[in-house]
Amino acid sequence: MKWRRKEKQTPPGGESPQPDTGWATTSMSTGAMANWTAVVRWGAWGLLLTGPLLGGLALSSTTQPVAVPTRDEAPRAQPASSDAVAPAGFAEVYVAAYVKAGDSDADTQELAAFYPAARSMSWSGGGGAERAESASAVQVRQVSAGYWSVTIAARITGSSKNGDGGRVRYFQVPVRATGARGTSGWTAAALPAEVAAPTGSKGVTPELSYGSAHAPLDSDPAVQTVRGFLAAYLTGRGELDRYLSPGTALHAVRPAPYTAVTVTQIAEHGHGPAEGAEAQVPPDGVQRRLLVDVQGDGKYTGGRPMTYAIELRARDGRWEVAALEAAPALATSSNSSDS
């Protein structure tokens, strides 16, 4: 705000005018006016000097505002990056929607979520006659940057003119990444194409690096360890820890899927112990790798065959389970190296 000074007026008779301070005042003596001017001057200097200090204190004491979302603001989902979402998973769900699609608007909209061009397509016949009970990617090939060809194996059930309902059929799906890096999604570049089974999809059983399988020998202390371990692991009977080597962390399957487990065959990795040596007390630290065939019996299952690769280690004259291996060891002649 600007203050406007009053116009100076010369009083009648030529008398000297009173000093004009810019404010409407009553008459003052010369000494009082001088004192008042001094007070105003020193007050102005005081404000000038303390202004920055007071402003700094006010700034430092001010609390920064915190943005609090209103009730109308929905939380924002972070988009998944292209490295976190595999095109294979997208293709699996896309094929499942494609197999059951028909001429209904609902089917078209569902399919358009994967392949936008489906909105302008017409379908003959109703949907739902066939369904993909299971769909899994069996081959993923990158065609170019951000563009893949995914082959899906799907077990199709439902009505079939060829009478082959329930057979595994194969579909090739072109999948493209959309958006910039870190904000990518997926979209199909075309409808799926039904193709023949990929070459090598029905390969021979790989050769394993184990000797001939034989019936479990009751005289072998390792067999007793394996039986007790599998019973505790699969049926919940017995303490699992008593069969484990120190430092081995395994947890029993819960809830227990079987009421009984029977060891049917055992094969030894490599040459195995010499004949009759398995019944002797093993030195500490000796290891054995076994391929164990079992049958599990449960409330709703009988004689289900399973195979476990188990590593044993000797300690204090007894065999303990050192590891439940992720996969059996392959023979050196196979494409994968021996584990």
C-alpha atoms as a PDB file:
ATOM      1  CA  MET A   1       0.000   0.000   0.000  1.00  0.00           C
ATOM      2  CA  LYS A   2       1.311   3.492  -0.840  1.00  0.00           C
ATOM      3  CA  TRP A   3       0.708   6.401   1.350  1.00  0.00           C
ATOM      4  CA  ARG A   4       0.006   9.753  -0.411  1.00  0.00           C
ATOM      5  CA  ARG A   5       1.386  12.835   1.227  1.00  0.00           C
ATOM      6  CA  LYS A   6      -0.876  15.826   1.845  1.00  0.00           C
ATOM      7  CA  GLU A   7      -0.465  19.031  -0.201  1.00  0.00           C
ATOM      8  CA  LYS A   8       1.462  21.765   1.586  1.00  0.00           C
ATOM      9  CA  GLN A   9      -0.621  24.864   2.284  1.00  0.00           C
ATOM     10  CA  THR A  10       0.656  28.257   3.318  1.00  0.00           C
ATOM     11  CA  PRO A  11      -1.447  29.621   6.129  1.00  0.00           C
ATOM     12  CA  PRO A  12      -2.835  33.129   5.838  1.00  0.00           C
ATOM     13  CA  GLY A  13      -0.589  35.926   6.921  1.00  0.00           C
ATOM     14  CA  GLY A  14       2.590  34.282   5.625  1.00  0.00           C
ATOM     15  CA  GLU A  15       3.228  32.287   8.764  1.00  0.00           C
ATOM     16  CA  SER A  16       5.650  29.407   8.501  1.00  0.00           C
ATOM     17  CA  PRO A  17       3.880  26.115   7.886  1.00  0.00           C
ATOM     18  CA  GLN A  18       4.097  23.297  10.362  1.00  0.00           C
ATOM     19  CA  PRO A  19       6.353  20.352   9.313  1.00  0.00           C
ATOM     20  CA  ASP A  20       4.368  17.810   7.316  1.00  0.00           C
ATOM     21  CA  THR A  21       4.898  14.217   8.498  1.00  0.00           C
ATOM     22  CA  GLY A  22       2.474  12.693   6.041  1.00  0.00           C
ATOM     23  CA  TRP A  23      -0.106  12.000   8.758  1.00  0.00           C
ATOM     24  CA  ALA A  24      -2.938  14.234   9.929  1.00  0.00           C
ATOM     25  CA  THR A  25      -1.687  15.596  13.220  1.00  0.00           C
ATOM     26  CA  THR A  26      -2.430  18.316  15.727  1.00  0.00           C
ATOM     27  CA  SER A  27       0.014  21.059  16.399  1.00  0.00           C
ATOM     28  CA  MET A  28       3.277  19.996  18.080  1.00  0.00           C
ATOM     29  CA  SER A  29       6.174  21.892  19.460  1.00  0.00           C
ATOM     30  CA  THR A  30       9.473  21.825  17.650  1.00  0.00           C
ATOM     31  CA  GLY A  31      11.086  19.618  20.304  1.00  0.00           C
ATOM     32  CA  ALA A  32       8.203  17.143  20.330  1.00  0.00           C
ATOM     33  CA  MET A  33       8.301  16.945  16.566  1.00  0.00           C
ATOM     34  CA  ALA A  34      12.044  16.212  16.618  1.00  0.00           C
ATOM     35  CA  ASN A  35      11.548  13.433  19.173  1.00  0.00           C
ATOM     36  CA  TRP A  36       8.769  11.900  17.142  1.00  0.00           C
ATOM     37  CA  THR A  37      10.891  11.964  13.994  1.00  0.00           C
ATOM     38  CA  ALA A  38      13.722  10.206  15.828  1.00  0.00           C
ATOM     39  CA  VAL A  39      11.397   7.482  17.083  1.00  0.00           C
ATOM     40  CA  VAL A  40      10.070   6.843  13.607  1.00  0.00           C
ATOM     41  CA  ARG A  41      13.574   6.764  12.133  1.00  0.00           C
ATOM     42  CA  TRP A  42      14.946   4.269  14.697  1.00  0.00           C
ATOM     43  CA  GLY A  43      11.823   2.092  14.385  1.00  0.00           C
ATOM     44  CA  ALA A  44      12.310   1.889  10.632  1.00  0.00           C
ATOM     45  CA  TRP A  45      15.973   0.865  11.064  1.00  0.00           C
ATOM     46  CA  GLY A  46      14.937  -1.774  13.626  1.00  0.00           C
ATOM     47  CA  LEU A  47      12.418  -3.329  11.254  1.00  0.00           C
ATOM     48  CA  LEU A  48      14.945  -3.262   8.436  1.00  0.00           C
ATOM     49  CA  LEU A  49      17.575  -5.093  10.508  1.00  0.00           C
ATOM     50  CA  THR A  50      15.317  -7.683  12.176  1.00  0.00           C
ATOM     51  CA  GLY A  51      13.174  -8.449   9.119  1.00  0.00           C
ATOM     52  CA  PRO A  52      15.486 -11.104   7.581  1.00  0.00           C
ATOM     53  CA  LEU A  53      16.026 -12.770  10.959  1.00  0.00           C
ATOM     54  CA  LEU A  54      12.308 -13.016  11.667  1.00  0.00           C
ATOM     55  CA  GLY A  55      11.668 -14.285   8.141  1.00  0.00           C
ATOM     56  CA  GLY A  56      14.291 -17.028   8.535  1.00  0.00           C
ATOM     57  CA  LEU A  57      12.825 -18.151  11.842  1.00  0.00           C
ATOM     58  CA  ALA A  58       9.358 -18.288  10.310  1.00  0.00           C
ATOM     59  CA  LEU A  59      10.640 -20.309   7.376  1.00  0.00           C
ATOM     60  CA  SER A  60      12.493 -22.818   9.525  1.00  0.00           C
ATOM     61  CA  SER A  61       9.506 -23.351  11.810  1.00  0.00           C
ATOM     62  CA  THR A  62       7.067 -23.914   8.974  1.00  0.00           C
ATOM     63  CA  THR A  63       5.961 -27.547   8.659  1.00  0.00           C
ATOM     64  CA  GLN A  64       6.138 -28.916   5.138  1.00  0.00           C
ATOM     65  CA  PRO A  65       2.720 -30.014   3.929  1.00  0.00           C
ATOM     66  CA  VAL A  66       2.144 -33.769   3.540  1.00  0.00           C
ATOM     67  CA  ALA A  67       0.062 -34.872   0.595  1.00  0.00           C
ATOM     68  CA  VAL A  68      -2.770 -37.015   1.947  1.00  0.00           C
ATOM     69  CA  PRO A  69      -4.894 -38.760  -0.682  1.00  0.00           C
ATOM     70  CA  THR A  70      -8.543 -37.902  -0.525  1.00  0.00           C
ATOM     71  CA  ARG A  71     -11.219 -40.536  -0.341  1.00  0.00           C
ATOM     72  CA  ASP A  72     -11.862 -40.138  -4.046  1.00  0.00           C
ATOM     73  CA  GLU A  73      -8.255 -40.887  -5.005  1.00  0.00           C
ATOM     74  CA  ALA A  74      -7.704 -44.581  -5.756  1.00  0.00           C
ATOM     75  CA  PRO A  75      -4.282 -46.119  -5.123  1.00  0.00           C
ATOM     76  CA  ARG A  76      -2.231 -46.327  -8.294  1.00  0.00           C
ATOM     77  CA  ALA A  77      -1.004 -49.773  -9.310  1.00  0.00           C
ATOM     78  CA  GLN A  78       2.592 -49.912 -10.445  1.00  0.00           C
ATOM     79  CA  PRO A  79       2.875 -51.416 -13.933  1.00  0.00           C
ATOM     80  CA  ALA A  80       4.939 -54.568 -14.190  1.00  0.00           C
ATOM     81  CA  SER A  81       8.127 -54.329 -16.154  1.00  0.00           C
ATOM     82  CA  SER A  82       8.724 -56.397 -19.259  1.00  0.00           C
ATOM     83  CA  ASP A  83      11.409 -58.319 -17.385  1.00  0.00           C
ATOM     84  CA  ALA A  84       8.937 -59.410 -14.689  1.00  0.00           C
ATOM     85  CA  VAL A  85       6.126 -60.718 -16.896  1.00  0.00           C
ATOM     86  CA  ALA A  86       6.867 -63.535 -19.327  1.00  0.00           C
ATOM     87  CA  PRO A  87       5.140 -63.516 -22.722  1.00  0.00           C
ATOM     88  CA  ALA A  88       4.572 -67.250 -22.229  1.00  0.00           C
ATOM     89  CA  GLY A  89       2.062 -66.641 -19.435  1.00  0.00           C
ATOM     90  CA  PHE A  90       0.179 -64.107 -21.548  1.00  0.00           C
ATOM     91  CA  ALA A  91      -0.007 -66.588 -24.440  1.00  0.00           C
ATOM     92  CA  GLU A  92      -1.339 -69.367 -22.201  1.00  0.00           C
ATOM     93  CA  VAL A  93      -4.297 -67.293 -21.007  1.00  0.00           C
ATOM     94  CA  TYR A  94      -4.884 -65.938 -24.508  1.00  0.00           C
ATOM     95  CA  VAL A  95      -5.177 -69.438 -25.998  1.00  0.00           C
ATOM     96  CA  ALA A  96      -7.619 -70.477 -23.260  1.00  0.00           C
ATOM     97  CA  ALA A  97      -9.853 -67.484 -24.098  1.00  0.00           C
ATOM     98  CA  TYR A  98      -9.498 -68.136 -27.828  1.00  0.00           C
ATOM     99  CA  VAL A  99     -10.536 -71.816 -27.664  1.00  0.00           C
ATOM    100  CA  LYS A 100     -13.847 -71.113 -25.930  1.00  0.00           C
ATOM    101  CA  ALA A 101     -14.658 -67.873 -27.793  1.00  0.00           C
ATOM    102  CA  GLY A 102     -17.914 -67.596 -29.750  1.00  0.00           C
ATOM    103  CA  ASP A 103     -20.134 -64.951 -31.279  1.00  0.00           C
ATOM    104  CA  SER A 104     -21.341 -63.458 -27.985  1.00  0.00           C
ATOM    105  CA  ASP A 105     -20.306 -59.946 -26.985  1.00  0.00           C
ATOM    106  CA  ALA A 106     -18.843 -61.251 -23.741  1.00  0.00           C
ATOM    107  CA  ASP A 107     -16.556 -63.673 -25.575  1.00  0.00           C
ATOM    108  CA  THR A 108     -15.516 -60.973 -28.035  1.00  0.00           C
ATOM    109  CA  GLN A 109     -14.681 -58.522 -25.271  1.00  0.00           C
ATOM    110  CA  GLU A 110     -12.683 -61.146 -23.385  1.00  0.00           C
ATOM    111  CA  LEU A 111     -10.684 -62.024 -26.476  1.00  0.00           C
ATOM    112  CA  ALA A 112     -10.186 -58.352 -27.371  1.00  0.00           C
ATOM    113  CA  ALA A 113      -8.381 -57.870 -24.079  1.00  0.00           C
ATOM    114  CA  PHE A 114      -5.593 -59.970 -25.596  1.00  0.00           C
ATOM    115  CA  TYR A 115      -6.069 -59.173 -29.298  1.00  0.00           C
ATOM    116  CA  PRO A 116      -7.804 -55.774 -29.816  1.00  0.00           C
ATOM    117  CA  ALA A 117      -8.637 -56.487 -33.472  1.00  0.00           C
ATOM    118  CA  ALA A 118     -11.053 -59.209 -32.303  1.00  0.00           C
ATOM    119  CA  ARG A 119     -13.702 -56.514 -31.716  1.00  0.00           C
ATOM    120  CA  SER A 120     -14.234 -56.179 -35.450  1.00  0.00           C
ATOM    121  CA  MET A 121     -14.345 -59.925 -36.134  1.00  0.00           C
ATOM    122  CA  SER A 122     -17.417 -62.101 -36.476  1.00  0.00           C
ATOM    123  CA  TRP A 123     -17.557 -65.648 -35.192  1.00  0.00           C
ATOM    124  CA  SER A 124     -19.787 -68.391 -36.529  1.00  0.00           C
ATOM    125  CA  GLY A 125     -21.433 -70.577 -33.938  1.00  0.00           C
ATOM    126  CA  GLY A 126     -21.619 -70.285 -30.195  1.00  0.00           C
ATOM    127  CA  GLY A 127     -18.685 -70.429 -27.861  1.00  0.00           C
ATOM    128  CA  GLY A 128     -17.953 -72.782 -25.015  1.00  0.00           C
ATOM    129  CA  ALA A 129     -18.234 -76.026 -27.008  1.00  0.00           C
ATOM    130  CA  GLU A 130     -14.527 -76.597 -26.423  1.00  0.00           C
ATOM    131  CA  ARG A 131     -12.332 -75.565 -23.551  1.00  0.00           C
ATOM    132  CA  ALA A 132      -8.631 -75.648 -22.793  1.00  0.00           C
ATOM    133  CA  GLU A 133      -8.460 -77.623 -19.562  1.00  0.00           C
ATOM    134  CA  SER A 134      -4.752 -76.897 -19.380  1.00  0.00           C
ATOM    135  CA  ALA A 135      -2.461 -74.694 -21.451  1.00  0.00           C
ATOM    136  CA  SER A 136       1.308 -74.515 -21.102  1.00  0.00           C
ATOM    137  CA  ALA A 137       4.061 -72.886 -23.116  1.00  0.00           C
ATOM    138  CA  VAL A 138       6.381 -75.519 -24.582  1.00  0.00           C
ATOM    139  CA  GLN A 139       8.454 -73.254 -26.806  1.00  0.00           C
ATOM    140  CA  VAL A 140       9.288 -69.548 -26.659  1.00  0.00           C
ATOM    141  CA  ARG A 141      11.331 -67.958 -29.445  1.00  0.00           C
ATOM    142  CA  GLN A 142      12.231 -64.278 -29.637  1.00  0.00           C
ATOM    143  CA  VAL A 143      11.654 -63.057 -33.182  1.00  0.00           C
ATOM    144  CA  SER A 144      12.993 -59.543 -32.618  1.00  0.00           C
ATOM    145  CA  ALA A 145      13.309 -56.988 -29.846  1.00  0.00           C
ATOM    146  CA  GLY A 146      10.059 -57.041 -27.866  1.00  0.00           C
ATOM    147  CA  TYR A 147       8.454 -59.661 -30.112  1.00  0.00           C
ATOM    148  CA  TRP A 148       8.056 -63.396 -29.382  1.00  0.00           C
ATOM    149  CA  SER A 149       6.578 -66.494 -30.941  1.00  0.00           C
ATOM    150  CA  VAL A 150       5.133 -68.747 -28.240  1.00  0.00           C
ATOM    151  CA  THR A 151       3.959 -72.307 -28.844  1.00  0.00           C
ATOM    152  CA  ILE A 152       1.244 -73.434 -26.434  1.00  0.00           C
ATOM    153  CA  ALA A 153       0.287 -77.044 -25.712  1.00  0.00           C
ATOM    154  CA  ALA A 154      -3.376 -77.174 -24.707  1.00  0.00           C
ATOM    155  CA  ARG A 155      -5.518 -80.139 -23.732  1.00  0.00           C
ATOM    156  CA  ILE A 156      -8.839 -79.385 -25.425  1.00  0.00           C
ATOM    157  CA  THR A 157     -11.980 -80.998 -24.035  1.00  0.00           C
ATOM    158  CA  GLY A 158     -15.595 -80.804 -25.147  1.00  0.00           C
ATOM    159  CA  SER A 159     -17.413 -81.718 -28.335  1.00  0.00           C
ATOM    160  CA  SER A 160     -15.221 -82.489 -31.322  1.00  0.00           C
ATOM    161  CA  LYS A 161     -16.245 -83.475 -34.835  1.00  0.00           C
ATOM    162  CA  ASN A 162     -13.117 -85.586 -35.151  1.00  0.00           C
ATOM    163  CA  GLY A 163     -13.717 -87.398 -31.911  1.00  0.00           C
ATOM    164  CA  ASP A 164     -10.344 -86.346 -30.535  1.00  0.00           C
ATOM    165  CA  GLY A 165     -11.610 -84.451 -27.496  1.00  0.00           C
ATOM    166  CA  GLY A 166      -9.105 -84.409 -24.677  1.00  0.00           C
ATOM    167  CA  ARG A 167      -6.059 -84.661 -26.921  1.00  0.00           C
ATOM    168  CA  VAL A 168      -3.171 -82.228 -26.659  1.00  0.00           C
ATOM    169  CA  ARG A 169      -3.150 -79.673 -29.475  1.00  0.00           C
ATOM    170  CA  TYR A 170      -0.592 -76.979 -30.228  1.00  0.00           C
ATOM    171  CA  PHE A 171      -1.098 -73.285 -30.993  1.00  0.00           C
ATOM    172  CA  GLN A 172       1.477 -70.752 -32.110  1.00  0.00           C
ATOM    173  CA  VAL A 173       0.932 -67.246 -30.738  1.00  0.00           C
ATOM    174  CA  PRO A 174       2.729 -64.001 -31.737  1.00  0.00           C
ATOM    175  CA  VAL A 175       3.178 -61.809 -28.649  1.00  0.00           C
ATOM    176  CA  ARG A 176       4.446 -58.252 -28.679  1.00  0.00           C
ATOM    177  CA  ALA A 177       5.541 -56.038 -25.781  1.00  0.00           C
ATOM    178  CA  THR A 178       3.804 -52.653 -25.634  1.00  0.00           C
ATOM    179  CA  GLY A 179       4.834 -49.373 -24.055  1.00  0.00           C
ATOM    180  CA  ALA A 180       8.193 -48.045 -22.993  1.00  0.00           C
ATOM    181  CA  ARG A 181      10.656 -50.035 -20.945  1.00  0.00           C
ATOM    182  CA  GLY A 182       9.431 -50.405 -17.380  1.00  0.00           C
ATOM    183  CA  THR A 183       5.790 -49.799 -18.333  1.00  0.00           C
ATOM    184  CA  SER A 184       5.307 -52.665 -20.755  1.00  0.00           C
ATOM    185  CA  GLY A 185       2.264 -54.793 -21.262  1.00  0.00           C
ATOM    186  CA  TRP A 186       1.550 -57.505 -23.782  1.00  0.00           C
ATOM    187  CA  THR A 187      -0.658 -57.826 -26.817  1.00  0.00           C
ATOM    188  CA  ALA A 188      -1.201 -60.467 -29.459  1.00  0.00           C
ATOM    189  CA  ALA A 189      -0.222 -59.520 -32.991  1.00  0.00           C
ATOM    190  CA  ALA A 190      -2.652 -62.018 -34.555  1.00  0.00           C
ATOM    191  CA  LEU A 191      -5.000 -64.872 -33.755  1.00  0.00           C
ATOM    192  CA  PRO A 192      -3.412 -68.143 -32.667  1.00  0.00           C
ATOM    193  CA  ALA A 193      -2.418 -70.612 -35.384  1.00  0.00           C
ATOM    194  CA  GLU A 194      -2.876 -74.332 -34.726  1.00  0.00           C
ATOM    195  CA  VAL A 195       0.357 -76.155 -35.583  1.00  0.00           C
ATOM    196  CA  ALA A 196       1.917 -79.587 -35.346  1.00  0.00           C
ATOM    197  CA  ALA A 197       3.745 -80.657 -32.235  1.00  0.00           C
ATOM    198  CA  PRO A 198       7.175 -78.995 -32.020  1.00  0.00           C
ATOM    199  CA  THR A 199      10.108 -81.138 -33.057  1.00  0.00           C
ATOM    200  CA  GLY A 200      11.518 -82.959 -30.088  1.00  0.00           C
ATOM    201  CA  SER A 201       8.409 -82.540 -27.938  1.00  0.00           C
ATOM    202  CA  LYS A 202       8.124 -86.334 -27.742  1.00  0.00           C
ATOM    203  CA  GLY A 203      11.750 -87.159 -27.087  1.00  0.00           C
ATOM    204  CA  VAL A 204      13.167 -90.305 -25.570  1.00  0.00           C
ATOM    205  CA  THR A 205      13.645 -90.652 -21.849  1.00  0.00           C
ATOM    206  CA  PRO A 206      17.031 -89.192 -20.881  1.00  0.00           C
ATOM    207  CA  GLU A 207      19.617 -91.586 -19.562  1.00  0.00           C
ATOM    208  CA  LEU A 208      20.346 -91.247 -15.869  1.00  0.00           C
ATOM    209  CA  SER A 209      23.638 -91.772 -14.104  1.00  0.00           C
ATOM    210  CA  TYR A 210      22.543 -94.623 -11.840  1.00  0.00           C
ATOM    211  CA  GLY A 211      23.139 -98.322 -11.836  1.00  0.00           C
ATOM    212  CA  SER A 212      20.531-101.042 -12.194  1.00  0.00           C
ATOM    213  CA  ALA A 213      17.528-100.693  -9.943  1.00  0.00           C
ATOM    214  CA  HIS A 214      16.997-103.432  -7.396  1.00  0.00           C
ATOM    215  CA  ALA A 215      14.656-104.233  -4.568  1.00  0.00           C
ATOM    216  CA  PRO A 216      15.575-102.553  -1.279  1.00  0.00           C
ATOM    217  CA  LEU A 217      17.810-104.700   0.951  1.00  0.00           C
ATOM    218  CA  ASP A 218      16.757-104.896   4.567  1.00  0.00           C
ATOM    219  CA  SER A 219      20.400-105.506   5.471  1.00  0.00           C
ATOM    220  CA  ASP A 220      21.362-102.069   4.128  1.00  0.00           C
ATOM    221  CA  PRO A 221      21.223 -99.399   6.894  1.00  0.00           C
ATOM    222  CA  ALA A 222      20.717 -96.761   4.188  1.00  0.00           C
ATOM    223  CA  VAL A 223      17.388 -98.366   3.290  1.00  0.00           C
ATOM    224  CA  GLN A 224      16.185 -98.014   6.858  1.00  0.00           C
ATOM    225  CA  THR A 225      17.111 -94.322   6.799  1.00  0.00           C
ATOM    226  CA  VAL A 226      15.316 -93.762   3.483  1.00  0.00           C
ATOM    227  CA  ARG A 227      12.174 -95.544   4.653  1.00  0.00           C
ATOM    228  CA  GLY A 228      11.997 -93.622   7.895  1.00  0.00           C
ATOM    229  CA  PHE A 229      12.722 -90.324   6.181  1.00  0.00           C
ATOM    230  CA  LEU A 230      10.027 -90.744   3.504  1.00  0.00           C
ATOM    231  CA  ALA A 231       7.465 -91.878   6.071  1.00  0.00           C
ATOM    232  CA  ALA A 232       8.079 -88.740   8.147  1.00  0.00           C
ATOM    233  CA  TYR A 233       8.226 -86.545   5.043  1.00  0.00           C
ATOM    234  CA  LEU A 234       5.045 -87.777   3.318  1.00  0.00           C
ATOM    235  CA  THR A 235       2.845 -89.314   6.026  1.00  0.00           C
ATOM    236  CA  GLY A 236       3.776 -87.279   9.086  1.00  0.00           C
ATOM    237  CA  ARG A 237       4.762 -90.351  11.091  1.00  0.00           C
ATOM    238  CA  GLY A 238       7.977 -89.907  13.057  1.00  0.00           C
ATOM    239  CA  GLU A 239      10.350 -87.023  13.574  1.00  0.00           C
ATOM    240  CA  LEU A 240      11.892 -85.758  10.343  1.00  0.00           C
ATOM    241  CA  ASP A 241      14.902 -84.134  12.015  1.00  0.00           C
ATOM    242  CA  ARG A 242      16.267 -87.425  13.332  1.00  0.00           C
ATOM    243  CA  TYR A 243      16.976 -88.525   9.749  1.00  0.00           C
ATOM    244  CA  LEU A 244      18.693 -85.294   8.606  1.00  0.00           C
ATOM    245  CA  SER A 245      22.386 -84.408   8.569  1.00  0.00           C
ATOM    246  CA  PRO A 246      23.375 -81.333  10.596  1.00  0.00           C
ATOM    247  CA  GLY A 247      22.732 -78.213   8.533  1.00  0.00           C
ATOM    248  CA  THR A 248      20.124 -79.861   6.283  1.00  0.00           C
ATOM    249  CA  ALA A 249      16.843 -77.913   6.345  1.00  0.00           C
ATOM    250  CA  LEU A 250      13.787 -79.841   5.141  1.00  0.00           C
ATOM    251  CA  HIS A 251      10.140 -79.631   6.156  1.00  0.00           C
ATOM    252  CA  ALA A 252       7.541 -82.370   5.964  1.00  0.00           C
ATOM    253  CA  VAL A 253       4.734 -82.031   3.444  1.00  0.00           C
ATOM    254  CA  ARG A 254       1.698 -80.521   5.184  1.00  0.00           C
ATOM    255  CA  PRO A 255      -0.984 -81.654   5.261  1.00  0.00           C
ATOM    256  CA  ALA A 256       0.357 -85.171   4.873  1.00  0.00           C
ATOM    257  CA  PRO A 257      -0.783 -86.427   1.439  1.00  0.00           C
ATOM    258  CA  TYR A 258      -0.330 -90.153   2.161  1.00  0.00           C
ATOM    259  CA  THR A 259      -1.034 -92.612   4.922  1.00  0.00           C
ATOM    260  CA  ALA A 260       1.647 -95.086   3.835  1.00  0.00           C
ATOM    261  CA  VAL A 261       4.757 -95.017   1.619  1.00  0.00           C
ATOM    262  CA  THR A 262       6.508 -98.120   0.293  1.00  0.00           C
ATOM    263  CA  VAL A 263      10.022 -98.146  -1.156  1.00  0.00           C
ATOM    264  CA  THR A 264       9.886-100.407  -4.222  1.00  0.00           C
ATOM    265  CA  GLN A 265      13.284 -99.976  -5.915  1.00  0.00           C
ATOM    266  CA  ILE A 266      16.655 -98.354  -5.327  1.00  0.00           C
ATOM    267  CA  ALA A 267      19.417 -97.503  -7.794  1.00  0.00           C
ATOM    268  CA  GLU A 268      22.890 -96.310  -6.832  1.00  0.00           C
ATOM    269  CA  HIS A 269      24.618 -93.355  -8.449  1.00  0.00           C
ATOM    270  CA  GLY A 270      27.948 -94.221 -10.012  1.00  0.00           C
ATOM    271  CA  HIS A 271      29.562 -97.505  -9.052  1.00  0.00           C
ATOM    272  CA  GLY A 272      28.035 -97.617  -5.575  1.00  0.00           C
ATOM    273  CA  PRO A 273      29.527 -99.602  -2.676  1.00  0.00           C
ATOM    274  CA  ALA A 274      31.180-102.930  -3.264  1.00  0.00           C
ATOM    275  CA  GLU A 275      29.095-106.050  -2.807  1.00  0.00           C
ATOM    276  CA  GLY A 276      28.390-106.586   0.860  1.00  0.00           C
ATOM    277  CA  ALA A 277      29.905-103.216   1.829  1.00  0.00           C
ATOM    278  CA  GLU A 278      26.493-101.593   2.264  1.00  0.00           C
ATOM    279  CA  ALA A 279      25.913-103.671   5.385  1.00  0.00           C
ATOM    280  CA  GLN A 280      29.132-102.475   7.046  1.00  0.00           C
ATOM    281  CA  VAL A 281      29.516 -99.418   9.257  1.00  0.00           C
ATOM    282  CA  PRO A 282      30.450 -96.539   6.935  1.00  0.00           C
ATOM    283  CA  PRO A 283      33.267 -94.103   7.748  1.00  0.00           C
ATOM    284  CA  ASP A 284      32.185 -90.547   8.587  1.00  0.00           C
ATOM    285  CA  GLY A 285      31.727 -88.275   5.593  1.00  0.00           C
ATOM    286  CA  VAL A 286      31.104 -91.009   3.003  1.00  0.00           C
ATOM    287  CA  GLN A 287      28.291 -90.093   0.619  1.00  0.00           C
ATOM    288  CA  ARG A 288      25.792 -92.112  -1.385  1.00  0.00           C
ATOM    289  CA  ARG A 289      23.361 -90.804  -3.994  1.00  0.00           C
ATOM    290  CA  LEU A 290      20.284 -92.961  -4.465  1.00  0.00           C
ATOM    291  CA  LEU A 291      17.419 -92.973  -6.943  1.00  0.00           C
ATOM    292  CA  VAL A 292      14.456 -94.228  -4.931  1.00  0.00           C
ATOM    293  CA  ASP A 293      11.167 -95.437  -6.427  1.00  0.00           C
ATOM    294  CA  VAL A 294       8.230 -95.365  -4.005  1.00  0.00           C
ATOM    295  CA  GLN A 295       4.495 -95.896  -3.962  1.00  0.00           C
ATOM    296  CA  GLY A 296       2.197 -93.644  -1.969  1.00  0.00           C
ATOM    297  CA  ASP A 297      -1.165 -94.725  -0.586  1.00  0.00           C
ATOM    298  CA  GLY A 298      -3.613 -92.125   0.630  1.00  0.00           C
ATOM    299  CA  LYS A 299      -7.267 -91.622   1.416  1.00  0.00           C
ATOM    300  CA  TYR A 300      -8.151 -91.039  -2.232  1.00  0.00           C
ATOM    301  CA  THR A 301      -5.041 -92.449  -3.915  1.00  0.00           C
ATOM    302  CA  GLY A 302      -3.608 -95.926  -4.038  1.00  0.00           C
ATOM    303  CA  GLY A 303      -0.211 -97.040  -5.311  1.00  0.00           C
ATOM    304  CA  ARG A 304       0.851 -93.690  -6.787  1.00  0.00           C
ATOM    305  CA  PRO A 305       4.411 -94.102  -8.121  1.00  0.00           C
ATOM    306  CA  MET A 306       7.011 -91.426  -7.369  1.00  0.00           C
ATOM    307  CA  THR A 307      10.785 -91.113  -7.718  1.00  0.00           C
ATOM    308  CA  TYR A 308      13.136 -89.269  -5.362  1.00  0.00           C
ATOM    309  CA  ALA A 309      16.828 -88.474  -5.740  1.00  0.00           C
ATOM    310  CA  ILE A 310      18.299 -88.579  -2.241  1.00  0.00           C
ATOM    311  CA  GLU A 311      21.850 -87.873  -1.067  1.00  0.00           C
ATOM    312  CA  LEU A 312      22.984 -89.648   2.087  1.00  0.00           C
ATOM    313  CA  ARG A 313      26.007 -88.893   4.279  1.00  0.00           C
ATOM    314  CA  ALA A 314      27.530 -91.109   6.964  1.00  0.00           C
ATOM    315  CA  ARG A 315      27.991 -89.792  10.505  1.00  0.00           C
ATOM    316  CA  ASP A 316      28.632 -91.652  13.749  1.00  0.00           C
ATOM    317  CA  GLY A 317      28.131 -95.019  12.065  1.00  0.00           C
ATOM    318  CA  ARG A 318      24.728 -94.227  10.559  1.00  0.00           C
ATOM    319  CA  TRP A 319      23.345 -92.822   7.313  1.00  0.00           C
ATOM    320  CA  GLU A 320      21.605 -89.440   7.318  1.00  0.00           C
ATOM    321  CA  VAL A 321      19.795 -87.516   4.594  1.00  0.00           C
ATOM    322  CA  ALA A 322      22.074 -84.714   3.397  1.00  0.00           C
ATOM    323  CA  ALA A 323      19.839 -83.466   0.565  1.00  0.00           C
ATOM    324  CA  LEU A 324      16.634 -84.092  -1.298  1.00  0.00           C
ATOM    325  CA  GLU A 325      18.042 -83.367  -4.734  1.00  0.00           C
ATOM    326  CA  ALA A 326      16.136 -81.167  -7.174  1.00  0.00           C
ATOM    327  CA  ALA A 327      16.567 -83.630 -10.045  1.00  0.00           C
ATOM    328  CA  PRO A 328      18.182 -87.029 -10.662  1.00  0.00           C
ATOM    329  CA  ALA A 329      21.723 -86.978 -12.022  1.00  0.00           C
ATOM    330  CA  LEU A 330      21.917 -87.306 -15.803  1.00  0.00           C
ATOM    331  CA  ALA A 331      24.406 -89.528 -17.541  1.00  0.00           C
ATOM    332  CA  THR A 332      27.461 -87.763 -18.961  1.00  0.00           C
ATOM    333  CA  SER A 333      26.327 -88.670 -22.481  1.00  0.00           C
ATOM    334  CA  SER A 334      23.180 -86.508 -22.208  1.00  0.00           C
ATOM    335  CA  ASN A 335      23.005 -82.870 -23.163  1.00  0.00           C
ATOM    336  CA  SER A 336      22.860 -81.706 -19.546  1.00  0.00           C
ATOM    337  CA  SER A 337      25.864 -82.126 -17.317  1.00  0.00           C
ATOM    338  CA  ASP A 338      25.845 -84.420 -14.381  1.00  0.00           C
ATOM    339  CA  SER A 339      24.658 -82.710 -11.220  1.00  0.00           C
END
